[in-house]
Protein backbone atom coordinates (compact mmCIF):
# COMPACT_ATOMS: atom_id res chain seq x y z
CA MET A 1 69.90 122.98 171.57
CA ARG A 2 67.80 119.88 172.22
CA PRO A 3 69.16 116.94 174.25
CA PRO A 4 68.90 113.48 172.60
CA ASN A 5 65.76 112.46 174.50
CA MET A 6 63.96 115.62 173.31
CA ILE A 7 65.05 115.00 169.70
CA LYS A 8 63.52 111.53 169.95
CA THR A 9 60.35 112.68 171.75
CA GLU A 10 59.70 115.67 169.47
CA ASN A 11 60.97 113.83 166.38
CA ARG A 12 62.85 116.93 165.21
CA GLY A 13 66.10 118.81 165.59
CA THR A 14 68.22 121.51 164.03
CA CYS A 15 71.42 120.73 162.15
CA ILE A 16 73.39 121.48 165.32
CA ASP A 17 71.14 119.20 167.42
CA LEU A 18 71.62 116.34 164.96
CA VAL A 19 75.37 116.88 164.59
CA LEU A 20 75.90 116.92 168.37
CA LEU A 21 73.86 113.73 168.70
CA PHE A 22 75.80 112.04 165.88
CA ILE A 23 79.28 113.06 167.09
CA SER A 24 78.32 111.97 170.62
CA CYS A 25 77.56 108.53 169.20
CA LEU A 26 80.92 108.55 167.37
CA ALA A 27 82.75 109.49 170.55
CA ASN A 28 80.92 106.77 172.49
CA ALA A 29 82.04 104.27 169.84
CA LYS A 30 85.65 105.42 170.45
CA MET A 31 85.87 107.13 167.07
CA ASP A 32 87.42 110.57 166.64
CA PRO A 33 84.60 113.07 165.91
CA VAL A 34 84.95 116.50 164.35
CA TYR A 35 82.37 119.31 164.47
CA VAL A 36 82.35 121.46 161.30
CA HIS A 37 80.58 124.83 161.26
CA ILE A 38 80.00 126.64 157.97
CA ARG A 39 78.31 129.83 156.85
CA GLN A 40 76.21 129.67 153.72
CA CYS A 41 77.37 132.76 151.88
CA GLY A 42 75.90 134.80 149.07
CA THR A 43 72.22 134.29 149.88
CA GLY A 44 71.53 137.64 151.50
CA GLU A 45 71.37 137.07 155.26
CA PRO A 46 74.13 134.62 156.27
CA VAL A 47 72.89 131.24 157.42
CA ASP A 48 75.03 128.88 159.51
CA HIS A 49 75.01 125.10 159.13
CA ALA A 50 76.72 122.27 161.03
CA LEU A 51 78.29 119.08 159.68
CA ALA A 52 79.61 115.99 161.47
CA GLY A 53 82.94 114.40 160.75
CA ALA A 54 85.26 111.67 161.92
CA TRP A 55 88.99 111.11 161.47
CA LEU A 56 89.86 107.91 159.61
CA GLY A 57 93.45 108.19 160.74
CA GLU A 58 95.69 110.52 162.66
CA PRO A 59 95.64 114.13 161.46
CA ALA A 60 98.83 115.05 159.62
CA PHE A 61 99.32 118.29 161.52
CA GLU A 62 99.87 119.53 165.01
CA GLN A 63 96.78 121.27 166.33
CA GLU A 64 97.54 124.16 168.61
CA ASN A 65 93.97 125.24 169.25
CA ASN A 66 91.95 122.07 168.52
CA SER A 67 90.54 123.54 165.33
CA ILE A 68 91.08 123.28 161.61
CA GLY A 69 91.27 126.75 160.15
CA LEU A 70 90.66 127.67 156.57
CA LYS A 71 88.57 126.08 153.83
CA ASN A 72 91.67 124.79 152.04
CA ASP A 73 92.92 123.15 155.26
CA LEU A 74 89.60 121.36 155.67
CA LEU A 75 89.36 120.36 152.01
CA LYS A 76 92.80 118.77 151.93
CA TYR A 77 91.65 116.26 154.58
CA VAL A 78 88.15 115.72 153.21
CA ASN A 79 88.92 115.65 149.49
CA PRO A 80 92.56 114.60 149.00
CA VAL A 81 94.33 114.13 145.68
CA LYS A 82 94.93 110.44 146.43
CA ARG A 83 92.11 108.34 147.90
CA GLN A 84 94.43 106.63 150.40
CA ASP A 85 95.28 110.06 151.84
CA LYS A 86 91.66 110.70 152.84
CA ARG A 87 91.75 111.25 156.58
CA LEU A 88 88.45 112.97 157.39
CA VAL A 89 84.92 111.87 156.51
CA VAL A 90 82.30 114.61 156.79
CA ILE A 91 78.53 114.13 156.49
CA ASP A 92 75.43 116.29 156.53
CA SER A 93 73.50 114.66 159.38
CA THR A 94 70.24 116.36 158.37
CA GLY A 95 70.31 113.89 155.48
CA PHE A 96 69.51 111.03 157.86
CA THR A 97 66.09 112.46 158.67
CA TYR A 98 62.72 112.48 156.92
CA GLY A 99 60.88 115.69 156.19
CA PHE A 100 63.71 118.08 155.37
CA PRO A 101 62.00 120.90 153.40
CA GLU A 102 63.73 120.29 150.05
CA ARG A 103 63.81 116.49 150.41
CA GLN A 104 61.25 114.00 151.69
CA TYR A 105 63.56 110.98 151.94
CA LYS A 106 66.66 109.94 153.90
CA PHE A 107 70.12 110.15 152.35
CA SER A 108 72.32 107.12 151.97
CA PHE A 109 75.70 107.47 153.68
CA GLU A 110 77.30 108.33 150.32
CA GLU A 111 74.65 111.00 149.62
CA ALA A 112 75.22 112.50 153.09
CA GLN A 113 78.97 112.64 152.36
CA LYS A 114 78.39 114.28 148.96
CA ALA A 115 75.97 116.82 150.48
CA ALA A 116 78.59 117.75 153.11
CA LEU A 117 81.38 118.10 150.54
CA ASP A 118 79.14 120.21 148.28
CA CYS A 119 78.27 122.35 151.29
CA ILE A 120 81.95 122.89 152.16
CA ASN A 121 82.90 123.64 148.54
CA SER A 122 80.12 126.17 147.95
CA ASN A 123 80.17 127.96 151.31
CA CYS A 124 82.50 129.47 153.90
CA PRO A 125 83.67 127.03 156.58
CA LEU A 126 84.10 129.03 159.77
CA PHE A 127 85.82 126.36 161.87
CA ALA A 128 86.12 122.67 162.59
CA LEU A 129 86.67 121.38 166.11
CA ASP A 130 88.54 118.15 166.75
CA ILE A 131 86.52 116.76 169.67
CA ARG A 132 89.19 114.18 170.59
CA GLN A 133 91.76 116.94 171.03
CA LEU A 134 89.33 118.96 173.14
CA GLY A 135 88.82 115.97 175.43
CA GLU A 136 92.57 115.57 175.90
CA THR A 137 93.00 119.21 176.87
CA ALA A 138 90.00 119.39 179.22
CA LEU A 139 90.63 120.23 182.85
CA PRO A 140 90.62 117.25 185.25
């Protein structure tokens, strides 16, 4: 894992590096960040990928362990039936960089959201951590 100054100096970072940088910025802006970790399934060797998210409103559930469990649990907050029920925005933060192997341009915010949703729909989310809840349960 690279710290932010190394990401800037080296002008590169893994998906986890970029997600941690992005959710740190969200937390600093007093937003409620969420770390989403998925496993890209069905391509031989499993490959993990990280996504960044933020709550738009209070979660509609009580979190016992600061995590969102199954794919369906995550999808109901990211892709609700009614637009006004959308509570969680998730993005693929690698989309905000130049030079990604399959793409030589930056994503717009909407493209980064679509990439994240496509990633969640076509893969196996392992867990999502609600960073705000983790901060509230941290030891003094």
